[in-house]
Amino acid sequence: MPGQERLRQEWAEHRPAVFGAAYRLLGSVADAEDVTQDVWLRALGADLDEVRNLRAWLITVAARRSYDILNSARRRRESYVGPWLPEPLLTGPDAAEPVLVDDSVTAAMLLVMERLSPPERVAFVLHDVFELEFARIAEILDVTVPGARKLASRARQRVAAQKDAEPRTSRVSRAERERVLEAFRGAYETGDLEGLVGLLDPDVVYVTDGGGKVHAARKPIFGGQRVAEVMVRVGHQLPPDRIDLVEVGGELSLVFHREGKVFSVDTVQIADGRITAYRRVVNPDKLVHV
């Protein structure tokens, strides 16, 4: 089959992988969508007749473009106002289109990958998530094949070390997550301070990403009592119209609506029936796709 005909027939099948690779590398839905469009246009103008593995070819093009963006994005984040959190990605039945979902699209994992160097992140995502051969990865990064292997190995070790440093980060069942979030929603809506304290781990960390666009804490807040007090105060000052349970990054999360618009997307980590990390995105630029 001619390459262009195959592209048109198979694009819908491969698009989730193209978008997924870009999102995992960049942590931005908007940038991933731009990369996906760039890949489509590049593919339309390319001679694909000799391309045996179209999926791998498309992901490679996406990775090259993402790698360029990633280097400049890291410089932009140095001047970002307050904590930076990944742009929420709707998955499951709420997603506008199919998305490849695994542990690497959770907010927690994307934050771990933020600590990798751009070459490490590319090597890790392409090899460990998308199973591309090291020869392709070496081409993208302009390194030798042994160099690409070393980057992926180093990234894998750093990811494992980060998980070891936070041993209570294992995923809980959907039923357990739903139980905790339903209880949290009820306590938040009624301003139940004691109820919130009971649902928060004593060492919980609360991080808000406003990007300097809206009012938000510019430093993480620690401790169950203190975080609960902040949440009660915010809930009283800015009461939500409703709070929905929605799948974000493959995990059930909370979407707050206020005055007819999405006010925040909140992702959590849970261990032993309590929330150990609470991450709230209120930067309006990051809520456009929700």
C-alpha atoms as a PDB file:
ATOM      1  CA  MET A   1       0.000   0.000   0.000  1.00  0.00           C
ATOM      2  CA  PRO A   2       1.384   3.468  -0.893  1.00  0.00           C
ATOM      3  CA  GLY A   3       2.675   5.358   2.136  1.00  0.00           C
ATOM      4  CA  GLN A   4       0.239   8.264   1.975  1.00  0.00           C
ATOM      5  CA  GLU A   5      -2.760   5.978   1.613  1.00  0.00           C
ATOM      6  CA  ARG A   6      -1.575   3.966   4.620  1.00  0.00           C
ATOM      7  CA  LEU A   7      -1.106   7.191   6.589  1.00  0.00           C
ATOM      8  CA  ARG A   8      -4.687   8.267   5.992  1.00  0.00           C
ATOM      9  CA  GLN A   9      -6.036   4.843   6.885  1.00  0.00           C
ATOM     10  CA  GLU A  10      -3.924   4.386  10.027  1.00  0.00           C
ATOM     11  CA  TRP A  11      -3.629   7.945  11.388  1.00  0.00           C
ATOM     12  CA  ALA A  12      -6.616   7.596  13.730  1.00  0.00           C
ATOM     13  CA  GLU A  13      -5.065   4.424  15.146  1.00  0.00           C
ATOM     14  CA  HIS A  14      -1.640   5.999  15.726  1.00  0.00           C
ATOM     15  CA  ARG A  15      -2.692   9.495  16.792  1.00  0.00           C
ATOM     16  CA  PRO A  16      -3.167   8.580  20.494  1.00  0.00           C
ATOM     17  CA  ALA A  17       0.438   7.334  20.598  1.00  0.00           C
ATOM     18  CA  VAL A  18       1.744  10.487  18.886  1.00  0.00           C
ATOM     19  CA  PHE A  19      -0.173  12.740  21.265  1.00  0.00           C
ATOM     20  CA  GLY A  20       0.688  10.506  24.220  1.00  0.00           C
ATOM     21  CA  ALA A  21       4.410  10.661  23.541  1.00  0.00           C
ATOM     22  CA  ALA A  22       4.325  14.461  23.258  1.00  0.00           C
ATOM     23  CA  TYR A  23       2.235  14.875  26.417  1.00  0.00           C
ATOM     24  CA  ARG A  24       4.504  12.635  28.475  1.00  0.00           C
ATOM     25  CA  LEU A  25       7.531  14.586  27.301  1.00  0.00           C
ATOM     26  CA  LEU A  26       6.050  18.061  27.763  1.00  0.00           C
ATOM     27  CA  GLY A  27       3.337  17.807  30.441  1.00  0.00           C
ATOM     28  CA  SER A  28       1.208  20.177  28.386  1.00  0.00           C
ATOM     29  CA  VAL A  29      -1.985  19.346  26.507  1.00  0.00           C
ATOM     30  CA  ALA A  30      -1.717  22.465  24.340  1.00  0.00           C
ATOM     31  CA  ASP A  31       1.887  21.765  23.334  1.00  0.00           C
ATOM     32  CA  ALA A  32       1.100  18.093  22.704  1.00  0.00           C
ATOM     33  CA  GLU A  33      -1.767  19.055  20.404  1.00  0.00           C
ATOM     34  CA  ASP A  34       0.537  21.427  18.490  1.00  0.00           C
ATOM     35  CA  VAL A  35       3.145  18.685  18.140  1.00  0.00           C
ATOM     36  CA  THR A  36       0.505  16.221  16.929  1.00  0.00           C
ATOM     37  CA  GLN A  37      -0.629  18.665  14.244  1.00  0.00           C
ATOM     38  CA  ASP A  38       2.993  19.261  13.218  1.00  0.00           C
ATOM     39  CA  VAL A  39       3.529  15.495  12.898  1.00  0.00           C
ATOM     40  CA  TRP A  40       0.433  15.128  10.705  1.00  0.00           C
ATOM     41  CA  LEU A  41       1.559  17.920   8.377  1.00  0.00           C
ATOM     42  CA  ARG A  42       5.103  16.554   8.255  1.00  0.00           C
ATOM     43  CA  ALA A  43       3.794  13.086   7.431  1.00  0.00           C
ATOM     44  CA  LEU A  44       1.576  14.422   4.651  1.00  0.00           C
ATOM     45  CA  GLY A  45       4.645  15.868   2.928  1.00  0.00           C
ATOM     46  CA  ALA A  46       6.930  12.890   3.477  1.00  0.00           C
ATOM     47  CA  ASP A  47       7.709   9.887   1.307  1.00  0.00           C
ATOM     48  CA  LEU A  48       6.415   7.050   3.450  1.00  0.00           C
ATOM     49  CA  ASP A  49       6.567   4.261   0.863  1.00  0.00           C
ATOM     50  CA  GLU A  50       9.677   2.725   2.442  1.00  0.00           C
ATOM     51  CA  VAL A  51       8.529   3.217   6.051  1.00  0.00           C
ATOM     52  CA  ARG A  52       7.923  -0.228   7.549  1.00  0.00           C
ATOM     53  CA  ASN A  53       6.782   0.794  11.020  1.00  0.00           C
ATOM     54  CA  LEU A  54       4.551   3.828  10.603  1.00  0.00           C
ATOM     55  CA  ARG A  55       3.759   4.075  14.330  1.00  0.00           C
ATOM     56  CA  ALA A  56       7.444   4.225  15.259  1.00  0.00           C
ATOM     57  CA  TRP A  57       8.128   6.763  12.491  1.00  0.00           C
ATOM     58  CA  LEU A  58       5.328   9.057  13.703  1.00  0.00           C
ATOM     59  CA  ILE A  59       6.398   8.803  17.354  1.00  0.00           C
ATOM     60  CA  THR A  60       9.981   9.572  16.332  1.00  0.00           C
ATOM     61  CA  VAL A  61       8.907  12.756  14.554  1.00  0.00           C
ATOM     62  CA  ALA A  62       6.811  13.737  17.603  1.00  0.00           C
ATOM     63  CA  ALA A  63       9.769  13.110  19.913  1.00  0.00           C
ATOM     64  CA  ARG A  64      12.138  15.253  17.827  1.00  0.00           C
ATOM     65  CA  ARG A  65       9.727  18.185  17.902  1.00  0.00           C
ATOM     66  CA  SER A  66       8.962  17.674  21.601  1.00  0.00           C
ATOM     67  CA  TYR A  67      12.668  17.526  22.439  1.00  0.00           C
ATOM     68  CA  ASP A  68      13.156  20.979  20.897  1.00  0.00           C
ATOM     69  CA  ILE A  69      10.199  22.361  22.845  1.00  0.00           C
ATOM     70  CA  LEU A  70      11.276  20.625  26.054  1.00  0.00           C
ATOM     71  CA  ASN A  71      14.626  22.384  26.128  1.00  0.00           C
ATOM     72  CA  SER A  72      13.002  25.817  25.822  1.00  0.00           C
ATOM     73  CA  ALA A  73      10.140  24.892  28.189  1.00  0.00           C
ATOM     74  CA  ARG A  74      12.582  24.121  30.978  1.00  0.00           C
ATOM     75  CA  ARG A  75      14.021  27.610  30.656  1.00  0.00           C
ATOM     76  CA  ARG A  76      10.517  29.109  30.806  1.00  0.00           C
ATOM     77  CA  ARG A  77       9.723  27.140  33.947  1.00  0.00           C
ATOM     78  CA  GLU A  78      12.679  28.691  35.731  1.00  0.00           C
ATOM     79  CA  SER A  79      10.745  31.972  35.700  1.00  0.00           C
ATOM     80  CA  TYR A  80       7.319  30.393  36.318  1.00  0.00           C
ATOM     81  CA  VAL A  81       5.433  32.062  39.161  1.00  0.00           C
ATOM     82  CA  GLY A  82       4.891  29.597  42.005  1.00  0.00           C
ATOM     83  CA  PRO A  83       4.900  25.789  41.717  1.00  0.00           C
ATOM     84  CA  TRP A  84       4.537  24.243  38.249  1.00  0.00           C
ATOM     85  CA  LEU A  85       2.128  21.323  37.807  1.00  0.00           C
ATOM     86  CA  PRO A  86       1.360  19.358  34.618  1.00  0.00           C
ATOM     87  CA  GLU A  87      -1.583  20.489  32.534  1.00  0.00           C
ATOM     88  CA  PRO A  88      -4.537  18.201  33.398  1.00  0.00           C
ATOM     89  CA  LEU A  89      -5.292  15.580  30.762  1.00  0.00           C
ATOM     90  CA  LEU A  90      -8.824  14.184  30.739  1.00  0.00           C
ATOM     91  CA  THR A  91      -8.890  10.428  30.205  1.00  0.00           C
ATOM     92  CA  GLY A  92     -11.542   7.736  30.305  1.00  0.00           C
ATOM     93  CA  PRO A  93     -15.141   8.501  29.287  1.00  0.00           C
ATOM     94  CA  ASP A  94     -14.628  12.268  29.754  1.00  0.00           C
ATOM     95  CA  ALA A  95     -11.809  12.471  27.188  1.00  0.00           C
ATOM     96  CA  ALA A  96     -12.625  14.218  23.928  1.00  0.00           C
ATOM     97  CA  GLU A  97     -10.604  11.591  22.042  1.00  0.00           C
ATOM     98  CA  PRO A  98      -8.794   8.310  22.806  1.00  0.00           C
ATOM     99  CA  VAL A  99      -5.699   8.688  24.976  1.00  0.00           C
ATOM    100  CA  LEU A 100      -3.108   6.025  25.796  1.00  0.00           C
ATOM    101  CA  VAL A 101      -3.238   5.671  29.570  1.00  0.00           C
ATOM    102  CA  ASP A 102      -0.747   4.130  31.988  1.00  0.00           C
ATOM    103  CA  ASP A 103       1.146   5.171  35.121  1.00  0.00           C
ATOM    104  CA  SER A 104       3.319   7.567  33.102  1.00  0.00           C
ATOM    105  CA  VAL A 105       0.469  10.068  32.588  1.00  0.00           C
ATOM    106  CA  THR A 106      -0.375  10.515  36.258  1.00  0.00           C
ATOM    107  CA  ALA A 107       0.448  13.891  37.780  1.00  0.00           C
ATOM    108  CA  ALA A 108       2.798  12.226  40.259  1.00  0.00           C
ATOM    109  CA  MET A 109       4.820  10.483  37.533  1.00  0.00           C
ATOM    110  CA  LEU A 110       4.958  13.561  35.304  1.00  0.00           C
ATOM    111  CA  LEU A 111       6.406  15.515  38.228  1.00  0.00           C
ATOM    112  CA  VAL A 112       9.028  12.822  38.742  1.00  0.00           C
ATOM    113  CA  MET A 113       9.959  13.020  35.051  1.00  0.00           C
ATOM    114  CA  GLU A 114      10.257  16.808  35.346  1.00  0.00           C
ATOM    115  CA  ARG A 115      13.389  16.160  37.416  1.00  0.00           C
ATOM    116  CA  LEU A 116      15.065  14.292  34.565  1.00  0.00           C
ATOM    117  CA  SER A 117      17.228  16.072  32.024  1.00  0.00           C
ATOM    118  CA  PRO A 118      15.561  16.442  28.587  1.00  0.00           C
ATOM    119  CA  PRO A 119      17.691  13.641  27.033  1.00  0.00           C
ATOM    120  CA  GLU A 120      16.941  11.334  29.970  1.00  0.00           C
ATOM    121  CA  ARG A 121      13.235  12.030  29.722  1.00  0.00           C
ATOM    122  CA  VAL A 122      13.172  11.354  25.973  1.00  0.00           C
ATOM    123  CA  ALA A 123      15.123   8.114  26.331  1.00  0.00           C
ATOM    124  CA  PHE A 124      12.963   6.926  29.234  1.00  0.00           C
ATOM    125  CA  VAL A 125       9.594   7.722  27.629  1.00  0.00           C
ATOM    126  CA  LEU A 126      10.443   6.392  24.187  1.00  0.00           C
ATOM    127  CA  HIS A 127      12.053   3.166  25.368  1.00  0.00           C
ATOM    128  CA  ASP A 128      10.239   2.260  28.588  1.00  0.00           C
ATOM    129  CA  VAL A 129       6.763   3.480  27.587  1.00  0.00           C
ATOM    130  CA  PHE A 130       6.662   3.205  23.780  1.00  0.00           C
ATOM    131  CA  GLU A 131       9.287   0.485  23.308  1.00  0.00           C
ATOM    132  CA  LEU A 132      11.223   2.242  20.561  1.00  0.00           C
ATOM    133  CA  GLU A 133      14.611   0.779  19.765  1.00  0.00           C
ATOM    134  CA  PHE A 134      17.694   2.616  21.004  1.00  0.00           C
ATOM    135  CA  ALA A 135      18.912   3.257  17.452  1.00  0.00           C
ATOM    136  CA  ARG A 136      15.948   5.612  16.881  1.00  0.00           C
ATOM    137  CA  ILE A 137      16.398   7.261  20.263  1.00  0.00           C
ATOM    138  CA  ALA A 138      20.110   7.795  19.593  1.00  0.00           C
ATOM    139  CA  GLU A 139      19.231   9.532  16.313  1.00  0.00           C
ATOM    140  CA  ILE A 140      16.828  11.908  18.020  1.00  0.00           C
ATOM    141  CA  LEU A 141      19.288  12.809  20.783  1.00  0.00           C
ATOM    142  CA  ASP A 142      22.356  12.830  18.512  1.00  0.00           C
ATOM    143  CA  VAL A 143      24.195  10.322  20.689  1.00  0.00           C
ATOM    144  CA  THR A 144      25.540   6.815  20.188  1.00  0.00           C
ATOM    145  CA  VAL A 145      23.349   3.776  20.801  1.00  0.00           C
ATOM    146  CA  PRO A 146      25.297   2.943  24.009  1.00  0.00           C
ATOM    147  CA  GLY A 147      24.814   6.592  25.008  1.00  0.00           C
ATOM    148  CA  ALA A 148      21.046   6.283  24.515  1.00  0.00           C
ATOM    149  CA  ARG A 149      21.010   3.094  26.594  1.00  0.00           C
ATOM    150  CA  LYS A 150      22.924   4.848  29.352  1.00  0.00           C
ATOM    151  CA  LEU A 151      20.491   7.795  29.367  1.00  0.00           C
ATOM    152  CA  ALA A 152      17.492   5.459  29.680  1.00  0.00           C
ATOM    153  CA  SER A 153      19.205   3.462  32.426  1.00  0.00           C
ATOM    154  CA  ARG A 154      20.102   6.609  34.354  1.00  0.00           C
ATOM    155  CA  ALA A 155      16.544   7.912  34.000  1.00  0.00           C
ATOM    156  CA  ARG A 156      15.140   4.589  35.185  1.00  0.00           C
ATOM    157  CA  GLN A 157      17.383   4.677  38.252  1.00  0.00           C
ATOM    158  CA  ARG A 158      16.400   8.248  39.072  1.00  0.00           C
ATOM    159  CA  VAL A 159      12.686   7.459  38.718  1.00  0.00           C
ATOM    160  CA  ALA A 160      13.100   4.403  40.962  1.00  0.00           C
ATOM    161  CA  ALA A 161      15.069   6.434  43.518  1.00  0.00           C
ATOM    162  CA  GLN A 162      12.335   9.046  43.628  1.00  0.00           C
ATOM    163  CA  LYS A 163       9.699   6.358  44.192  1.00  0.00           C
ATOM    164  CA  ASP A 164      11.844   4.833  46.944  1.00  0.00           C
ATOM    165  CA  ALA A 165      12.084   8.261  48.578  1.00  0.00           C
ATOM    166  CA  GLU A 166       8.281   8.432  48.573  1.00  0.00           C
ATOM    167  CA  PRO A 167       7.314   4.848  49.422  1.00  0.00           C
ATOM    168  CA  ARG A 168       3.623   5.633  49.862  1.00  0.00           C
ATOM    169  CA  THR A 169       2.965   6.466  46.221  1.00  0.00           C
ATOM    170  CA  SER A 170       1.539   3.152  45.011  1.00  0.00           C
ATOM    171  CA  ARG A 171      -1.757   3.376  43.153  1.00  0.00           C
ATOM    172  CA  VAL A 172      -4.878   2.421  45.064  1.00  0.00           C
ATOM    173  CA  SER A 173      -7.947   0.758  43.604  1.00  0.00           C
ATOM    174  CA  ARG A 174     -10.532   2.864  41.831  1.00  0.00           C
ATOM    175  CA  ALA A 175     -13.098   1.902  44.490  1.00  0.00           C
ATOM    176  CA  GLU A 176     -10.835   3.103  47.309  1.00  0.00           C
ATOM    177  CA  ARG A 177     -10.007   6.318  45.466  1.00  0.00           C
ATOM    178  CA  GLU A 178     -13.685   6.967  44.820  1.00  0.00           C
ATOM    179  CA  ARG A 179     -14.527   6.336  48.493  1.00  0.00           C
ATOM    180  CA  VAL A 180     -11.909   8.811  49.722  1.00  0.00           C
ATOM    181  CA  LEU A 181     -12.795  11.477  47.144  1.00  0.00           C
ATOM    182  CA  GLU A 182     -16.531  11.190  47.792  1.00  0.00           C
ATOM    183  CA  ALA A 183     -15.873  11.670  51.514  1.00  0.00           C
ATOM    184  CA  PHE A 184     -13.551  14.576  50.786  1.00  0.00           C
ATOM    185  CA  ARG A 185     -16.122  16.222  48.519  1.00  0.00           C
ATOM    186  CA  GLY A 186     -18.771  16.004  51.218  1.00  0.00           C
ATOM    187  CA  ALA A 187     -16.481  17.461  53.880  1.00  0.00           C
ATOM    188  CA  TYR A 188     -15.300  20.242  51.570  1.00  0.00           C
ATOM    189  CA  GLU A 189     -18.825  21.258  50.543  1.00  0.00           C
ATOM    190  CA  THR A 190     -19.996  21.475  54.164  1.00  0.00           C
ATOM    191  CA  GLY A 191     -16.826  23.088  55.508  1.00  0.00           C
ATOM    192  CA  ASP A 192     -16.279  20.161  57.864  1.00  0.00           C
ATOM    193  CA  LEU A 193     -12.818  20.884  59.272  1.00  0.00           C
ATOM    194  CA  GLU A 194     -12.607  17.742  61.394  1.00  0.00           C
ATOM    195  CA  GLY A 195     -13.789  15.626  58.476  1.00  0.00           C
ATOM    196  CA  LEU A 196     -11.084  17.056  56.221  1.00  0.00           C
ATOM    197  CA  VAL A 197      -8.390  16.546  58.850  1.00  0.00           C
ATOM    198  CA  GLY A 198      -9.450  12.916  59.117  1.00  0.00           C
ATOM    199  CA  LEU A 199      -9.079  12.420  55.374  1.00  0.00           C
ATOM    200  CA  LEU A 200      -5.678  14.112  55.111  1.00  0.00           C
ATOM    201  CA  ASP A 201      -2.447  12.419  56.082  1.00  0.00           C
ATOM    202  CA  PRO A 202      -0.704  14.267  58.953  1.00  0.00           C
ATOM    203  CA  ASP A 203       2.227  14.903  56.576  1.00  0.00           C
ATOM    204  CA  VAL A 204       0.147  15.793  53.524  1.00  0.00           C
ATOM    205  CA  VAL A 205       1.541  18.356  51.067  1.00  0.00           C
ATOM    206  CA  TYR A 206      -0.795  20.798  49.290  1.00  0.00           C
ATOM    207  CA  VAL A 207       0.477  22.408  46.073  1.00  0.00           C
ATOM    208  CA  THR A 208      -1.369  24.982  43.962  1.00  0.00           C
ATOM    209  CA  ASP A 209      -0.441  26.094  40.455  1.00  0.00           C
ATOM    210  CA  GLY A 210      -1.789  29.530  39.591  1.00  0.00           C
ATOM    211  CA  GLY A 211       1.055  30.534  37.290  1.00  0.00           C
ATOM    212  CA  GLY A 212       0.756  34.129  38.466  1.00  0.00           C
ATOM    213  CA  LYS A 213      -2.575  34.392  36.628  1.00  0.00           C
ATOM    214  CA  VAL A 214      -4.836  33.959  39.668  1.00  0.00           C
ATOM    215  CA  HIS A 215      -4.388  34.044  43.424  1.00  0.00           C
ATOM    216  CA  ALA A 216      -2.697  30.867  44.650  1.00  0.00           C
ATOM    217  CA  ALA A 217      -0.175  29.856  47.288  1.00  0.00           C
ATOM    218  CA  ARG A 218       3.323  30.235  45.872  1.00  0.00           C
ATOM    219  CA  LYS A 219       4.830  27.651  48.189  1.00  0.00           C
ATOM    220  CA  PRO A 220       3.673  24.165  49.183  1.00  0.00           C
ATOM    221  CA  ILE A 221       1.697  23.886  52.419  1.00  0.00           C
ATOM    222  CA  PHE A 222       2.414  20.971  54.765  1.00  0.00           C
ATOM    223  CA  GLY A 223       0.442  19.221  57.510  1.00  0.00           C
ATOM    224  CA  GLY A 224      -3.091  17.873  57.709  1.00  0.00           C
ATOM    225  CA  GLN A 225      -4.457  20.460  60.144  1.00  0.00           C
ATOM    226  CA  ARG A 226      -3.003  23.424  58.291  1.00  0.00           C
ATOM    227  CA  VAL A 227      -4.051  22.175  54.859  1.00  0.00           C
ATOM    228  CA  ALA A 228      -7.584  21.489  56.099  1.00  0.00           C
ATOM    229  CA  GLU A 229      -7.836  25.008  57.519  1.00  0.00           C
ATOM    230  CA  VAL A 230      -6.713  26.487  54.194  1.00  0.00           C
ATOM    231  CA  MET A 231      -9.256  24.389  52.303  1.00  0.00           C
ATOM    232  CA  VAL A 232     -12.105  25.418  54.592  1.00  0.00           C
ATOM    233  CA  ARG A 233     -11.140  29.069  54.194  1.00  0.00           C
ATOM    234  CA  VAL A 234     -10.897  28.828  50.394  1.00  0.00           C
ATOM    235  CA  GLY A 235     -14.164  26.874  50.234  1.00  0.00           C
ATOM    236  CA  HIS A 236     -15.889  29.620  52.225  1.00  0.00           C
ATOM    237  CA  GLN A 237     -14.394  32.501  50.201  1.00  0.00           C
ATOM    238  CA  LEU A 238     -14.820  30.827  46.797  1.00  0.00           C
ATOM    239  CA  PRO A 239     -17.639  28.291  47.155  1.00  0.00           C
ATOM    240  CA  PRO A 240     -17.877  25.935  44.162  1.00  0.00           C
ATOM    241  CA  ASP A 241     -21.085  25.482  42.184  1.00  0.00           C
ATOM    242  CA  ARG A 242     -20.333  21.767  42.110  1.00  0.00           C
ATOM    243  CA  ILE A 243     -17.482  19.295  42.436  1.00  0.00           C
ATOM    244  CA  ASP A 244     -17.267  16.462  39.911  1.00  0.00           C
ATOM    245  CA  LEU A 245     -15.302  13.231  40.090  1.00  0.00           C
ATOM    246  CA  VAL A 246     -13.516  12.964  36.732  1.00  0.00           C
ATOM    247  CA  GLU A 247     -10.704  10.765  35.431  1.00  0.00           C
ATOM    248  CA  VAL A 248      -7.540  12.828  34.910  1.00  0.00           C
ATOM    249  CA  GLY A 249      -4.278  11.221  33.871  1.00  0.00           C
ATOM    250  CA  GLY A 250      -5.808   7.792  34.355  1.00  0.00           C
ATOM    251  CA  GLU A 251      -6.847   8.452  37.965  1.00  0.00           C
ATOM    252  CA  LEU A 252     -10.107   9.637  39.478  1.00  0.00           C
ATOM    253  CA  SER A 253      -9.712  13.312  40.427  1.00  0.00           C
ATOM    254  CA  LEU A 254     -11.796  16.341  41.419  1.00  0.00           C
ATOM    255  CA  VAL A 255     -12.955  19.096  39.072  1.00  0.00           C
ATOM    256  CA  PHE A 256     -14.306  22.217  40.799  1.00  0.00           C
ATOM    257  CA  HIS A 257     -16.803  24.428  38.947  1.00  0.00           C
ATOM    258  CA  ARG A 258     -17.501  28.023  39.918  1.00  0.00           C
ATOM    259  CA  GLU A 259     -19.649  30.657  38.211  1.00  0.00           C
ATOM    260  CA  GLY A 260     -20.302  28.313  35.300  1.00  0.00           C
ATOM    261  CA  LYS A 261     -16.625  27.593  34.560  1.00  0.00           C
ATOM    262  CA  VAL A 262     -13.985  25.126  35.642  1.00  0.00           C
ATOM    263  CA  PHE A 263     -12.274  26.677  38.645  1.00  0.00           C
ATOM    264  CA  SER A 264      -9.678  23.996  39.369  1.00  0.00           C
ATOM    265  CA  VAL A 265      -8.598  20.452  38.640  1.00  0.00           C
ATOM    266  CA  ASP A 266      -7.318  18.650  41.733  1.00  0.00           C
ATOM    267  CA  THR A 267      -5.297  15.437  41.628  1.00  0.00           C
ATOM    268  CA  VAL A 268      -4.403  13.463  44.736  1.00  0.00           C
ATOM    269  CA  GLN A 269      -2.212  10.664  46.006  1.00  0.00           C
ATOM    270  CA  ILE A 270      -3.760   8.304  48.524  1.00  0.00           C
ATOM    271  CA  ALA A 271      -2.226   5.811  50.941  1.00  0.00           C
ATOM    272  CA  ASP A 272      -3.802   3.926  53.819  1.00  0.00           C
ATOM    273  CA  GLY A 273      -7.147   5.625  53.215  1.00  0.00           C
ATOM    274  CA  ARG A 274      -5.775   9.174  53.480  1.00  0.00           C
ATOM    275  CA  ILE A 275      -4.649  11.836  51.035  1.00  0.00           C
ATOM    276  CA  THR A 276      -0.855  12.197  51.137  1.00  0.00           C
ATOM    277  CA  ALA A 277      -0.483  14.751  48.329  1.00  0.00           C
ATOM    278  CA  TYR A 278      -3.072  17.235  47.027  1.00  0.00           C
ATOM    279  CA  ARG A 279      -2.275  19.139  43.816  1.00  0.00           C
ATOM    280  CA  ARG A 280      -4.574  21.898  42.570  1.00  0.00           C
ATOM    281  CA  VAL A 281      -4.287  23.517  39.120  1.00  0.00           C
ATOM    282  CA  VAL A 282      -6.044  26.897  38.979  1.00  0.00           C
ATOM    283  CA  ASN A 283      -3.971  28.517  36.214  1.00  0.00           C
ATOM    284  CA  PRO A 284      -6.732  29.310  33.661  1.00  0.00           C
ATOM    285  CA  ASP A 285      -4.341  28.687  30.757  1.00  0.00           C
ATOM    286  CA  LYS A 286      -4.075  25.059  31.873  1.00  0.00           C
ATOM    287  CA  LEU A 287      -7.842  24.563  32.201  1.00  0.00           C
ATOM    288  CA  VAL A 288      -8.811  25.432  28.633  1.00  0.00           C
ATOM    289  CA  HIS A 289      -8.937  21.773  27.552  1.00  0.00           C
ATOM    290  CA  VAL A 290     -10.934  20.572  30.567  1.00  0.00           C
END
